[in-house]
């Protein structure tokens, strides 16, 4: 494995995005997540994952009891509603962090692609 992993401006790496299924069906509130993704890097224990993910419009209840996620939106638009009811909307070039313990509504408003870094606490 090389120590340098190139990720293009469109979020794609050497392998390119492939159909995937990350969204749990029981969490979906509306729409249908038609997903593509590419994992660019993952530690052996899976505690750190860096990748690109894309989905068509849908809404879900997102819960991160043990994970923190940093994302930069490459294209599209999404809205995240926190537990306090505050809605934050993000578009291309904008970034956000969802900290461990987050639970709220995650809604893809326009087909959206993001580059993410996901860290999960291991016991």
PDB file of N, CA and C in Angstrom:
ATOM      1  N   UNK A   1       0.841  -1.180   0.000  1.00  0.00           N
ATOM      2  CA  UNK A   1       0.000   0.000   0.000  1.00  0.00           C
ATOM      3  C   UNK A   1       0.885   1.242   0.000  1.00  0.00           C
ATOM      4  N   UNK A   2       0.475   2.194  -0.767  1.00  0.00           N
ATOM      5  CA  UNK A   2       1.222   3.438  -0.843  1.00  0.00           C
ATOM      6  C   UNK A   2       0.883   4.346   0.343  1.00  0.00           C
ATOM      7  N   UNK A   3       1.771   5.267   0.674  1.00  0.00           N
ATOM      8  CA  UNK A   3       1.496   6.212   1.755  1.00  0.00           C
ATOM      9  C   UNK A   3       0.736   7.433   1.264  1.00  0.00           C
ATOM     10  N   UNK A   4       0.528   7.533  -0.039  1.00  0.00           N
ATOM     11  CA  UNK A   4      -0.231   8.649  -0.601  1.00  0.00           C
ATOM     12  C   UNK A   4      -1.411   8.072  -1.365  1.00  0.00           C
ATOM     13  N   UNK A   5      -2.598   8.526  -0.999  1.00  0.00           N
ATOM     14  CA  UNK A   5      -3.821   8.067  -1.650  1.00  0.00           C
ATOM     15  C   UNK A   5      -4.474   9.285  -2.296  1.00  0.00           C
ATOM     16  N   UNK A   6      -4.561   9.290  -3.595  1.00  0.00           N
ATOM     17  CA  UNK A   6      -5.156  10.420  -4.311  1.00  0.00           C
ATOM     18  C   UNK A   6      -6.671  10.284  -4.341  1.00  0.00           C
ATOM     19  N   UNK A   7      -7.326  11.396  -3.993  1.00  0.00           N
ATOM     20  CA  UNK A   7      -8.778  11.490  -4.079  1.00  0.00           C
ATOM     21  C   UNK A   7      -9.068  12.696  -4.966  1.00  0.00           C
ATOM     22  N   UNK A   8      -9.780  12.485  -6.056  1.00  0.00           N
ATOM     23  CA  UNK A   8     -10.059  13.563  -7.003  1.00  0.00           C
ATOM     24  C   UNK A   8     -11.026  14.602  -6.451  1.00  0.00           C
ATOM     25  N   UNK A   9     -11.149  15.704  -7.150  1.00  0.00           N
ATOM     26  CA  UNK A   9     -12.073  16.767  -6.739  1.00  0.00           C
ATOM     27  C   UNK A   9     -13.513  16.287  -6.695  1.00  0.00           C
ATOM     28  N   UNK A  10     -13.797  15.227  -7.454  1.00  0.00           N
ATOM     29  CA  UNK A  10     -15.149  14.661  -7.450  1.00  0.00           C
ATOM     30  C   UNK A  10     -15.335  13.630  -6.331  1.00  0.00           C
ATOM     31  N   UNK A  11     -14.281  13.428  -5.520  1.00  0.00           N
ATOM     32  CA  UNK A  11     -14.351  12.487  -4.407  1.00  0.00           C
ATOM     33  C   UNK A  11     -13.975  11.070  -4.759  1.00  0.00           C
ATOM     34  N   UNK A  12     -13.769  10.788  -6.033  1.00  0.00           N
ATOM     35  CA  UNK A  12     -13.433   9.419  -6.441  1.00  0.00           C
ATOM     36  C   UNK A  12     -11.932   9.169  -6.325  1.00  0.00           C
ATOM     37  N   UNK A  13     -11.604   7.952  -5.941  1.00  0.00           N
ATOM     38  CA  UNK A  13     -10.218   7.514  -5.883  1.00  0.00           C
ATOM     39  C   UNK A  13      -9.930   6.596  -7.053  1.00  0.00           C
ATOM     40  N   UNK A  14      -8.875   5.810  -6.930  1.00  0.00           N
ATOM     41  CA  UNK A  14      -8.438   4.929  -8.007  1.00  0.00           C
ATOM     42  C   UNK A  14      -9.487   3.873  -8.368  1.00  0.00           C
ATOM     43  N   UNK A  15     -10.197   3.349  -7.377  1.00  0.00           N
ATOM     44  CA  UNK A  15     -11.167   2.284  -7.628  1.00  0.00           C
ATOM     45  C   UNK A  15     -12.485   2.814  -8.198  1.00  0.00           C
ATOM     46  N   UNK A  16     -12.829   4.043  -7.870  1.00  0.00           N
ATOM     47  CA  UNK A  16     -14.105   4.597  -8.306  1.00  0.00           C
ATOM     48  C   UNK A  16     -15.243   4.161  -7.387  1.00  0.00           C
ATOM     49  N   UNK A  17     -16.346   4.873  -7.446  1.00  0.00           N
ATOM     50  CA  UNK A  17     -17.489   4.564  -6.593  1.00  0.00           C
ATOM     51  C   UNK A  17     -18.221   3.335  -7.120  1.00  0.00           C
ATOM     52  N   UNK A  18     -18.680   2.512  -6.172  1.00  0.00           N
ATOM     53  CA  UNK A  18     -19.447   1.314  -6.504  1.00  0.00           C
ATOM     54  C   UNK A  18     -20.721   1.294  -5.674  1.00  0.00           C
ATOM     55  N   UNK A  19     -21.722   0.605  -6.172  1.00  0.00           N
ATOM     56  CA  UNK A  19     -22.987   0.485  -5.444  1.00  0.00           C
ATOM     57  C   UNK A  19     -22.704  -0.096  -4.059  1.00  0.00           C
ATOM     58  N   UNK A  20     -23.349   0.489  -3.058  1.00  0.00           N
ATOM     59  CA  UNK A  20     -23.189   0.007  -1.693  1.00  0.00           C
ATOM     60  C   UNK A  20     -24.498   0.205  -0.948  1.00  0.00           C
ATOM     61  N   UNK A  21     -24.545  -0.288   0.275  1.00  0.00           N
ATOM     62  CA  UNK A  21     -25.732  -0.142   1.107  1.00  0.00           C
ATOM     63  C   UNK A  21     -25.277   0.080   2.545  1.00  0.00           C
ATOM     64  N   UNK A  22     -25.249   1.342   2.948  1.00  0.00           N
ATOM     65  CA  UNK A  22     -24.794   1.710   4.285  1.00  0.00           C
ATOM     66  C   UNK A  22     -25.970   2.077   5.184  1.00  0.00           C
ATOM     67  N   UNK A  23     -26.995   2.664   4.601  1.00  0.00           N
ATOM     68  CA  UNK A  23     -28.149   3.148   5.359  1.00  0.00           C
ATOM     69  C   UNK A  23     -29.005   1.961   5.813  1.00  0.00           C
ATOM     70  N   UNK A  24     -29.220   1.812   7.132  1.00  0.00           N
ATOM     71  CA  UNK A  24     -30.071   0.715   7.605  1.00  0.00           C
ATOM     72  C   UNK A  24     -31.530   0.953   7.200  1.00  0.00           C
ATOM     73  N   UNK A  25     -32.173  -0.010   6.560  1.00  0.00           N
ATOM     74  CA  UNK A  25     -33.554   0.178   6.096  1.00  0.00           C
ATOM     75  C   UNK A  25     -34.505   0.621   7.209  1.00  0.00           C
ATOM     76  N   UNK A  26     -34.284   0.130   8.428  1.00  0.00           N
ATOM     77  CA  UNK A  26     -35.182   0.474   9.536  1.00  0.00           C
ATOM     78  C   UNK A  26     -35.044   1.932   9.979  1.00  0.00           C
ATOM     79  N   UNK A  27     -33.967   2.616   9.564  1.00  0.00           N
ATOM     80  CA  UNK A  27     -33.751   4.025   9.937  1.00  0.00           C
ATOM     81  C   UNK A  27     -34.391   4.997   8.944  1.00  0.00           C
ATOM     82  N   UNK A  28     -34.759   4.508   7.754  1.00  0.00           N
ATOM     83  CA  UNK A  28     -35.286   5.380   6.698  1.00  0.00           C
ATOM     84  C   UNK A  28     -36.671   5.904   7.063  1.00  0.00           C
ATOM     85  N   UNK A  29     -36.820   7.224   6.942  1.00  0.00           N
ATOM     86  CA  UNK A  29     -38.092   7.895   7.222  1.00  0.00           C
ATOM     87  C   UNK A  29     -38.882   8.159   5.949  1.00  0.00           C
ATOM     88  N   UNK A  30     -38.162   8.489   4.858  1.00  0.00           N
ATOM     89  CA  UNK A  30     -38.813   8.759   3.573  1.00  0.00           C
ATOM     90  C   UNK A  30     -37.804   8.590   2.450  1.00  0.00           C
ATOM     91  N   UNK A  31     -38.316   8.354   1.237  1.00  0.00           N
ATOM     92  CA  UNK A  31     -37.449   8.179   0.085  1.00  0.00           C
ATOM     93  C   UNK A  31     -36.746   6.835   0.119  1.00  0.00           C
ATOM     94  N   UNK A  32     -35.775   6.695  -0.770  1.00  0.00           N
ATOM     95  CA  UNK A  32     -34.981   5.465  -0.842  1.00  0.00           C
ATOM     96  C   UNK A  32     -33.547   5.853  -1.162  1.00  0.00           C
ATOM     97  N   UNK A  33     -32.642   5.476  -0.291  1.00  0.00           N
ATOM     98  CA  UNK A  33     -31.230   5.798  -0.484  1.00  0.00           C
ATOM     99  C   UNK A  33     -30.633   4.887  -1.544  1.00  0.00           C
ATOM    100  N   UNK A  34     -30.379   5.437  -2.728  1.00  0.00           N
ATOM    101  CA  UNK A  34     -29.668   4.713  -3.781  1.00  0.00           C
ATOM    102  C   UNK A  34     -28.222   5.152  -3.631  1.00  0.00           C
ATOM    103  N   UNK A  35     -27.381   4.270  -3.067  1.00  0.00           N
ATOM    104  CA  UNK A  35     -26.047   4.650  -2.611  1.00  0.00           C
ATOM    105  C   UNK A  35     -24.910   4.128  -3.484  1.00  0.00           C
ATOM    106  N   UNK A  36     -23.825   4.920  -3.492  1.00  0.00           N
ATOM    107  CA  UNK A  36     -22.546   4.519  -4.071  1.00  0.00           C
ATOM    108  C   UNK A  36     -21.470   4.942  -3.087  1.00  0.00           C
ATOM    109  N   UNK A  37     -20.365   4.226  -3.081  1.00  0.00           N
ATOM    110  CA  UNK A  37     -19.293   4.606  -2.175  1.00  0.00           C
ATOM    111  C   UNK A  37     -17.958   4.026  -2.573  1.00  0.00           C
ATOM    112  N   UNK A  38     -16.950   4.540  -1.912  1.00  0.00           N
ATOM    113  CA  UNK A  38     -15.586   4.034  -2.082  1.00  0.00           C
ATOM    114  C   UNK A  38     -14.837   4.281  -0.787  1.00  0.00           C
ATOM    115  N   UNK A  39     -14.253   3.230  -0.223  1.00  0.00           N
ATOM    116  CA  UNK A  39     -13.405   3.375   0.960  1.00  0.00           C
ATOM    117  C   UNK A  39     -11.994   3.610   0.460  1.00  0.00           C
ATOM    118  N   UNK A  40     -11.427   4.737   0.869  1.00  0.00           N
ATOM    119  CA  UNK A  40     -10.062   5.089   0.446  1.00  0.00           C
ATOM    120  C   UNK A  40      -9.016   4.532   1.403  1.00  0.00           C
ATOM    121  N   UNK A  41      -9.387   4.457   2.697  1.00  0.00           N
ATOM    122  CA  UNK A  41      -8.459   3.972   3.716  1.00  0.00           C
ATOM    123  C   UNK A  41      -9.257   3.458   4.902  1.00  0.00           C
ATOM    124  N   UNK A  42      -8.793   2.343   5.485  1.00  0.00           N
ATOM    125  CA  UNK A  42      -9.416   1.817   6.693  1.00  0.00           C
ATOM    126  C   UNK A  42      -8.354   1.146   7.545  1.00  0.00           C
ATOM    127  N   UNK A  43      -8.365   1.423   8.850  1.00  0.00           N
ATOM    128  CA  UNK A  43      -7.425   0.768   9.747  1.00  0.00           C
ATOM    129  C   UNK A  43      -7.837  -0.694   9.918  1.00  0.00           C
ATOM    130  N   UNK A  44      -6.901  -1.512  10.341  1.00  0.00           N
ATOM    131  CA  UNK A  44      -7.143  -2.950  10.492  1.00  0.00           C
ATOM    132  C   UNK A  44      -8.314  -3.241  11.431  1.00  0.00           C
ATOM    133  N   UNK A  45      -8.472  -2.435  12.478  1.00  0.00           N
ATOM    134  CA  UNK A  45      -9.564  -2.681  13.421  1.00  0.00           C
ATOM    135  C   UNK A  45     -10.852  -1.949  13.045  1.00  0.00           C
ATOM    136  N   UNK A  46     -10.842  -1.225  11.938  1.00  0.00           N
ATOM    137  CA  UNK A  46     -12.035  -0.531  11.461  1.00  0.00           C
ATOM    138  C   UNK A  46     -12.403   0.714  12.252  1.00  0.00           C
ATOM    139  N   UNK A  47     -11.531   1.142  13.166  1.00  0.00           N
ATOM    140  CA  UNK A  47     -11.863   2.308  13.995  1.00  0.00           C
ATOM    141  C   UNK A  47     -11.747   3.633  13.235  1.00  0.00           C
ATOM    142  N   UNK A  48     -11.038   3.633  12.125  1.00  0.00           N
ATOM    143  CA  UNK A  48     -10.899   4.836  11.298  1.00  0.00           C
ATOM    144  C   UNK A  48     -11.154   4.459   9.845  1.00  0.00           C
ATOM    145  N   UNK A  49     -12.119   5.134   9.232  1.00  0.00           N
ATOM    146  CA  UNK A  49     -12.452   4.886   7.831  1.00  0.00           C
ATOM    147  C   UNK A  49     -12.526   6.234   7.123  1.00  0.00           C
ATOM    148  N   UNK A  50     -11.888   6.306   5.962  1.00  0.00           N
ATOM    149  CA  UNK A  50     -11.938   7.506   5.124  1.00  0.00           C
ATOM    150  C   UNK A  50     -12.483   7.074   3.776  1.00  0.00           C
ATOM    151  N   UNK A  51     -13.492   7.781   3.306  1.00  0.00           N
ATOM    152  CA  UNK A  51     -14.084   7.370   2.047  1.00  0.00           C
ATOM    153  C   UNK A  51     -14.943   8.447   1.418  1.00  0.00           C
ATOM    154  N   UNK A  52     -15.615   8.049   0.355  1.00  0.00           N
ATOM    155  CA  UNK A  52     -16.551   8.909  -0.358  1.00  0.00           C
ATOM    156  C   UNK A  52     -17.877   8.170  -0.414  1.00  0.00           C
ATOM    157  N   UNK A  53     -18.956   8.908  -0.210  1.00  0.00           N
ATOM    158  CA  UNK A  53     -20.288   8.315  -0.213  1.00  0.00           C
ATOM    159  C   UNK A  53     -21.233   9.241  -0.960  1.00  0.00           C
ATOM    160  N   UNK A  54     -22.144   8.642  -1.721  1.00  0.00           N
ATOM    161  CA  UNK A  54     -23.122   9.404  -2.495  1.00  0.00           C
ATOM    162  C   UNK A  54     -24.482   8.738  -2.342  1.00  0.00           C
ATOM    163  N   UNK A  55     -25.533   9.569  -2.315  1.00  0.00           N
ATOM    164  CA  UNK A  55     -26.891   9.022  -2.236  1.00  0.00           C
ATOM    165  C   UNK A  55     -27.883   9.947  -2.922  1.00  0.00           C
ATOM    166  N   UNK A  56     -28.955   9.327  -3.404  1.00  0.00           N
ATOM    167  CA  UNK A  56     -30.110  10.061  -3.913  1.00  0.00           C
ATOM    168  C   UNK A  56     -30.918  10.551  -2.700  1.00  0.00           C
ATOM    169  N   UNK A  57     -31.878  11.446  -2.916  1.00  0.00           N
ATOM    170  CA  UNK A  57     -32.647  11.998  -1.801  1.00  0.00           C
ATOM    171  C   UNK A  57     -33.394  10.940  -0.978  1.00  0.00           C
ATOM    172  N   UNK A  58     -33.325  11.112   0.344  1.00  0.00           N
ATOM    173  CA  UNK A  58     -34.024  10.276   1.318  1.00  0.00           C
ATOM    174  C   UNK A  58     -33.838  10.956   2.679  1.00  0.00           C
ATOM    175  N   UNK A  59     -34.506  10.458   3.703  1.00  0.00           N
ATOM    176  CA  UNK A  59     -34.317  10.942   5.072  1.00  0.00           C
ATOM    177  C   UNK A  59     -34.241   9.747   6.011  1.00  0.00           C
ATOM    178  N   UNK A  60     -33.436   9.892   7.056  1.00  0.00           N
ATOM    179  CA  UNK A  60     -33.283   8.829   8.041  1.00  0.00           C
ATOM    180  C   UNK A  60     -33.036   9.416   9.421  1.00  0.00           C
ATOM    181  N   UNK A  61     -33.215   8.579  10.440  1.00  0.00           N
ATOM    182  CA  UNK A  61     -32.751   8.907  11.779  1.00  0.00           C
ATOM    183  C   UNK A  61     -31.334   8.356  11.850  1.00  0.00           C
ATOM    184  N   UNK A  62     -30.374   9.250  12.082  1.00  0.00           N
ATOM    185  CA  UNK A  62     -28.961   8.877  12.132  1.00  0.00           C
ATOM    186  C   UNK A  62     -28.517   8.878  13.587  1.00  0.00           C
ATOM    187  N   UNK A  63     -27.853   7.816  13.992  1.00  0.00           N
ATOM    188  CA  UNK A  63     -27.394   7.684  15.371  1.00  0.00           C
ATOM    189  C   UNK A  63     -25.924   7.279  15.382  1.00  0.00           C
ATOM    190  N   UNK A  64     -25.118   8.081  16.070  1.00  0.00           N
ATOM    191  CA  UNK A  64     -23.687   7.797  16.212  1.00  0.00           C
ATOM    192  C   UNK A  64     -23.338   7.689  17.698  1.00  0.00           C
ATOM    193  N   UNK A  65     -23.692   6.584  18.354  1.00  0.00           N
ATOM    194  CA  UNK A  65     -23.399   6.483  19.783  1.00  0.00           C
ATOM    195  C   UNK A  65     -21.906   6.473  20.097  1.00  0.00           C
ATOM    196  N   UNK A  66     -21.101   5.873  19.228  1.00  0.00           N
ATOM    197  CA  UNK A  66     -19.663   5.732  19.499  1.00  0.00           C
ATOM    198  C   UNK A  66     -18.777   6.283  18.396  1.00  0.00           C
ATOM    199  N   UNK A  67     -19.347   6.996  17.432  1.00  0.00           N
ATOM    200  CA  UNK A  67     -18.570   7.472  16.287  1.00  0.00           C
ATOM    201  C   UNK A  67     -18.638   8.981  16.154  1.00  0.00           C
ATOM    202  N   UNK A  68     -17.571   9.543  15.607  1.00  0.00           N
ATOM    203  CA  UNK A  68     -17.517  10.944  15.218  1.00  0.00           C
ATOM    204  C   UNK A  68     -17.208  10.971  13.734  1.00  0.00           C
ATOM    205  N   UNK A  69     -17.959  11.781  12.980  1.00  0.00           N
ATOM    206  CA  UNK A  69     -17.768  11.844  11.539  1.00  0.00           C
ATOM    207  C   UNK A  69     -17.514  13.278  11.099  1.00  0.00           C
ATOM    208  N   UNK A  70     -16.461  13.442  10.311  1.00  0.00           N
ATOM    209  CA  UNK A  70     -16.159  14.714   9.656  1.00  0.00           C
ATOM    210  C   UNK A  70     -16.477  14.526   8.176  1.00  0.00           C
ATOM    211  N   UNK A  71     -17.172  15.487   7.560  1.00  0.00           N
ATOM    212  CA  UNK A  71     -17.538  15.388   6.150  1.00  0.00           C
ATOM    213  C   UNK A  71     -17.339  16.713   5.434  1.00  0.00           C
ATOM    214  N   UNK A  72     -16.965  16.614   4.168  1.00  0.00           N
ATOM    215  CA  UNK A  72     -16.981  17.747   3.255  1.00  0.00           C
ATOM    216  C   UNK A  72     -17.901  17.368   2.104  1.00  0.00           C
ATOM    217  N   UNK A  73     -18.871  18.229   1.820  1.00  0.00           N
ATOM    218  CA  UNK A  73     -19.819  17.978   0.737  1.00  0.00           C
ATOM    219  C   UNK A  73     -19.147  18.341  -0.590  1.00  0.00           C
ATOM    220  N   UNK A  74     -19.138  17.399  -1.511  1.00  0.00           N
ATOM    221  CA  UNK A  74     -18.553  17.607  -2.832  1.00  0.00           C
ATOM    222  C   UNK A  74     -19.614  18.151  -3.791  1.00  0.00           C
ATOM    223  N   UNK A  75     -20.812  17.588  -3.722  1.00  0.00           N
ATOM    224  CA  UNK A  75     -21.907  18.038  -4.586  1.00  0.00           C
ATOM    225  C   UNK A  75     -23.229  17.728  -3.911  1.00  0.00           C
ATOM    226  N   UNK A  76     -24.277  18.434  -4.324  1.00  0.00           N
ATOM    227  CA  UNK A  76     -25.604  18.200  -3.781  1.00  0.00           C
ATOM    228  C   UNK A  76     -25.873  19.020  -2.539  1.00  0.00           C
ATOM    229  N   UNK A  77     -26.891  18.586  -1.795  1.00  0.00           N
ATOM    230  CA  UNK A  77     -27.336  19.351  -0.631  1.00  0.00           C
ATOM    231  C   UNK A  77     -27.972  18.417   0.389  1.00  0.00           C
ATOM    232  N   UNK A  78     -27.715  18.685   1.673  1.00  0.00           N
ATOM    233  CA  UNK A  78     -28.309  17.907   2.736  1.00  0.00           C
ATOM    234  C   UNK A  78     -28.678  18.797   3.904  1.00  0.00           C
ATOM    235  N   UNK A  79     -29.547  18.284   4.754  1.00  0.00           N
ATOM    236  CA  UNK A  79     -29.939  18.974   5.979  1.00  0.00           C
ATOM    237  C   UNK A  79     -29.774  17.996   7.136  1.00  0.00           C
ATOM    238  N   UNK A  80     -29.230  18.499   8.233  1.00  0.00           N
ATOM    239  CA  UNK A  80     -29.065  17.704   9.440  1.00  0.00           C
ATOM    240  C   UNK A  80     -29.819  18.418  10.561  1.00  0.00           C
ATOM    241  N   UNK A  81     -30.699  17.689  11.224  1.00  0.00           N
ATOM    242  CA  UNK A  81     -31.457  18.244  12.339  1.00  0.00           C
ATOM    243  C   UNK A  81     -30.932  17.622  13.621  1.00  0.00           C
ATOM    244  N   UNK A  82     -30.443  18.459  14.511  1.00  0.00           N
ATOM    245  CA  UNK A  82     -29.905  17.980  15.774  1.00  0.00           C
ATOM    246  C   UNK A  82     -30.994  17.652  16.766  1.00  0.00           C
ATOM    247  N   UNK A  83     -30.620  17.076  17.897  1.00  0.00           N
ATOM    248  CA  UNK A  83     -31.597  16.701  18.920  1.00  0.00           C
ATOM    249  C   UNK A  83     -32.367  17.900  19.481  1.00  0.00           C
ATOM    250  N   UNK A  84     -31.795  19.102  19.343  1.00  0.00           N
ATOM    251  CA  UNK A  84     -32.459  20.314  19.820  1.00  0.00           C
ATOM    252  C   UNK A  84     -33.446  20.879  18.798  1.00  0.00           C
ATOM    253  N   UNK A  85     -33.549  20.220  17.620  1.00  0.00           N
ATOM    254  CA  UNK A  85     -34.469  20.662  16.578  1.00  0.00           C
ATOM    255  C   UNK A  85     -33.876  21.666  15.605  1.00  0.00           C
ATOM    256  N   UNK A  86     -32.646  22.106  15.851  1.00  0.00           N
ATOM    257  CA  UNK A  86     -31.986  23.056  14.951  1.00  0.00           C
ATOM    258  C   UNK A  86     -31.576  22.351  13.660  1.00  0.00           C
ATOM    259  N   UNK A  87     -31.915  22.977  12.527  1.00  0.00           N
ATOM    260  CA  UNK A  87     -31.608  22.406  11.215  1.00  0.00           C
ATOM    261  C   UNK A  87     -30.412  23.152  10.619  1.00  0.00           C
ATOM    262  N   UNK A  88     -29.429  22.398  10.195  1.00  0.00           N
ATOM    263  CA  UNK A  88     -28.257  22.942   9.494  1.00  0.00           C
ATOM    264  C   UNK A  88     -28.268  22.361   8.087  1.00  0.00           C
ATOM    265  N   UNK A  89     -28.104  23.224   7.076  1.00  0.00           N
ATOM    266  CA  UNK A  89     -28.078  22.797   5.677  1.00  0.00           C
ATOM    267  C   UNK A  89     -26.672  22.968   5.137  1.00  0.00           C
ATOM    268  N   UNK A  90     -26.217  22.000   4.340  1.00  0.00           N
ATOM    269  CA  UNK A  90     -24.864  22.014   3.799  1.00  0.00           C
ATOM    270  C   UNK A  90     -24.884  21.755   2.297  1.00  0.00           C
ATOM    271  N   UNK A  91     -24.003  22.452   1.573  1.00  0.00           N
ATOM    272  CA  UNK A  91     -23.862  22.291   0.134  1.00  0.00           C
ATOM    273  C   UNK A  91     -22.403  22.153  -0.248  1.00  0.00           C
ATOM    274  N   UNK A  92     -22.107  22.152  -1.545  1.00  0.00           N
ATOM    275  CA  UNK A  92     -20.750  21.938  -2.027  1.00  0.00           C
ATOM    276  C   UNK A  92     -19.722  22.859  -1.363  1.00  0.00           C
ATOM    277  N   UNK A  93     -18.622  22.236  -0.915  1.00  0.00           N
ATOM    278  CA  UNK A  93     -17.524  22.971  -0.299  1.00  0.00           C
ATOM    279  C   UNK A  93     -17.697  23.197   1.188  1.00  0.00           C
ATOM    280  N   UNK A  94     -18.864  22.882   1.726  1.00  0.00           N
ATOM    281  CA  UNK A  94     -19.087  23.061   3.162  1.00  0.00           C
ATOM    282  C   UNK A  94     -18.801  21.761   3.899  1.00  0.00           C
ATOM    283  N   UNK A  95     -18.413  21.902   5.155  1.00  0.00           N
ATOM    284  CA  UNK A  95     -18.044  20.751   5.977  1.00  0.00           C
ATOM    285  C   UNK A  95     -18.823  20.764   7.283  1.00  0.00           C
ATOM    286  N   UNK A  96     -18.899  19.592   7.900  1.00  0.00           N
ATOM    287  CA  UNK A  96     -19.550  19.477   9.208  1.00  0.00           C
ATOM    288  C   UNK A  96     -18.929  18.325   9.985  1.00  0.00           C
ATOM    289  N   UNK A  97     -19.166  18.346  11.297  1.00  0.00           N
ATOM    290  CA  UNK A  97     -18.733  17.273  12.189  1.00  0.00           C
ATOM    291  C   UNK A  97     -19.948  16.843  13.007  1.00  0.00           C
ATOM    292  N   UNK A  98     -20.193  15.545  13.058  1.00  0.00           N
ATOM    293  CA  UNK A  98     -21.205  14.969  13.937  1.00  0.00           C
ATOM    294  C   UNK A  98     -20.435  14.216  15.013  1.00  0.00           C
ATOM    295  N   UNK A  99     -20.561  14.662  16.251  1.00  0.00           N
ATOM    296  CA  UNK A  99     -19.773  14.082  17.333  1.00  0.00           C
ATOM    297  C   UNK A  99     -20.439  12.837  17.914  1.00  0.00           C
ATOM    298  N   UNK A 100     -19.624  12.036  18.594  1.00  0.00           N
ATOM    299  CA  UNK A 100     -20.126  10.820  19.237  1.00  0.00           C
ATOM    300  C   UNK A 100     -21.292  11.177  20.151  1.00  0.00           C
ATOM    301  N   UNK A 101     -22.353  10.406  20.068  1.00  0.00           N
ATOM    302  CA  UNK A 101     -23.562  10.664  20.841  1.00  0.00           C
ATOM    303  C   UNK A 101     -24.637  11.357  20.029  1.00  0.00           C
ATOM    304  N   UNK A 102     -24.301  11.770  18.784  1.00  0.00           N
ATOM    305  CA  UNK A 102     -25.290  12.455  17.953  1.00  0.00           C
ATOM    306  C   UNK A 102     -26.428  11.509  17.591  1.00  0.00           C
ATOM    307  N   UNK A 103     -27.639  12.024  17.664  1.00  0.00           N
ATOM    308  CA  UNK A 103     -28.800  11.339  17.104  1.00  0.00           C
ATOM    309  C   UNK A 103     -29.729  12.418  16.572  1.00  0.00           C
ATOM    310  N   UNK A 104     -30.102  12.293  15.314  1.00  0.00           N
ATOM    311  CA  UNK A 104     -30.971  13.285  14.702  1.00  0.00           C
ATOM    312  C   UNK A 104     -31.390  12.863  13.308  1.00  0.00           C
ATOM    313  N   UNK A 105     -31.987  13.809  12.616  1.00  0.00           N
ATOM    314  CA  UNK A 105     -32.483  13.552  11.256  1.00  0.00           C
ATOM    315  C   UNK A 105     -31.393  13.948  10.255  1.00  0.00           C
ATOM    316  N   UNK A 106     -31.139  13.065   9.297  1.00  0.00           N
ATOM    317  CA  UNK A 106     -30.182  13.289   8.211  1.00  0.00           C
ATOM    318  C   UNK A 106     -30.982  13.180   6.931  1.00  0.00           C
ATOM    319  N   UNK A 107     -31.012  14.258   6.145  1.00  0.00           N
ATOM    320  CA  UNK A 107     -31.833  14.257   4.937  1.00  0.00           C
ATOM    321  C   UNK A 107     -31.042  14.752   3.731  1.00  0.00           C
ATOM    322  N   UNK A 108     -30.949  13.897   2.728  1.00  0.00           N
ATOM    323  CA  UNK A 108     -30.336  14.279   1.457  1.00  0.00           C
ATOM    324  C   UNK A 108     -31.422  14.987   0.650  1.00  0.00           C
ATOM    325  N   UNK A 109     -31.214  16.275   0.377  1.00  0.00           N
ATOM    326  CA  UNK A 109     -32.211  17.087  -0.325  1.00  0.00           C
ATOM    327  C   UNK A 109     -32.049  17.019  -1.836  1.00  0.00           C
ATOM    328  N   UNK A 110     -30.795  16.957  -2.289  1.00  0.00           N
ATOM    329  CA  UNK A 110     -30.444  16.785  -3.713  1.00  0.00           C
ATOM    330  C   UNK A 110     -29.359  15.731  -3.727  1.00  0.00           C
ATOM    331  N   UNK A 111     -29.322  14.873  -4.752  1.00  0.00           N
ATOM    332  CA  UNK A 111     -28.300  13.826  -4.792  1.00  0.00           C
ATOM    333  C   UNK A 111     -26.985  14.427  -4.322  1.00  0.00           C
ATOM    334  N   UNK A 112     -26.421  13.811  -3.284  1.00  0.00           N
ATOM    335  CA  UNK A 112     -25.293  14.388  -2.573  1.00  0.00           C
ATOM    336  C   UNK A 112     -24.118  13.423  -2.515  1.00  0.00           C
ATOM    337  N   UNK A 113     -22.918  14.002  -2.664  1.00  0.00           N
ATOM    338  CA  UNK A 113     -21.681  13.238  -2.535  1.00  0.00           C
ATOM    339  C   UNK A 113     -20.824  13.930  -1.488  1.00  0.00           C
ATOM    340  N   UNK A 114     -20.247  13.131  -0.596  1.00  0.00           N
ATOM    341  CA  UNK A 114     -19.395  13.683   0.455  1.00  0.00           C
ATOM    342  C   UNK A 114     -18.147  12.833   0.618  1.00  0.00           C
ATOM    343  N   UNK A 115     -17.092  13.479   1.069  1.00  0.00           N
ATOM    344  CA  UNK A 115     -15.879  12.791   1.506  1.00  0.00           C
ATOM    345  C   UNK A 115     -15.956  12.795   3.024  1.00  0.00           C
ATOM    346  N   UNK A 116     -15.746  11.637   3.633  1.00  0.00           N
ATOM    347  CA  UNK A 116     -15.914  11.537   5.083  1.00  0.00           C
ATOM    348  C   UNK A 116     -14.717  10.893   5.760  1.00  0.00           C
ATOM    349  N   UNK A 117     -14.579  11.214   7.038  1.00  0.00           N
ATOM    350  CA  UNK A 117     -13.633  10.560   7.933  1.00  0.00           C
ATOM    351  C   UNK A 117     -14.471  10.124   9.130  1.00  0.00           C
ATOM    352  N   UNK A 118     -14.523   8.821   9.378  1.00  0.00           N
ATOM    353  CA  UNK A 118     -15.336   8.273  10.447  1.00  0.00           C
ATOM    354  C   UNK A 118     -14.432   7.606  11.472  1.00  0.00           C
ATOM    355  N   UNK A 119     -14.500   8.093  12.717  1.00  0.00           N
ATOM    356  CA  UNK A 119     -13.720   7.502  13.804  1.00  0.00           C
ATOM    357  C   UNK A 119     -14.689   6.871  14.795  1.00  0.00           C
ATOM    358  N   UNK A 120     -14.481   5.590  15.104  1.00  0.00           N
ATOM    359  CA  UNK A 120     -15.335   4.880  16.045  1.00  0.00           C
ATOM    360  C   UNK A 120     -14.503   4.447  17.248  1.00  0.00           C
ATOM    361  N   UNK A 121     -15.001   4.813  18.437  1.00  0.00           N
ATOM    362  CA  UNK A 121     -14.319   4.410  19.673  1.00  0.00           C
ATOM    363  C   UNK A 121     -14.396   2.898  19.810  1.00  0.00           C
ATOM    364  N   UNK A 122     -13.292   2.299  20.173  1.00  0.00           N
ATOM    365  CA  UNK A 122     -13.244   0.864  20.438  1.00  0.00           C
ATOM    366  C   UNK A 122     -13.011   0.666  21.920  1.00  0.00           C
ATOM    367  N   UNK A 123     -13.742  -0.271  22.513  1.00  0.00           N
ATOM    368  CA  UNK A 123     -13.621  -0.547  23.959  1.00  0.00           C
ATOM    369  C   UNK A 123     -12.354  -1.294  24.280  1.00  0.00           C
TER     370      UNK A 123
END
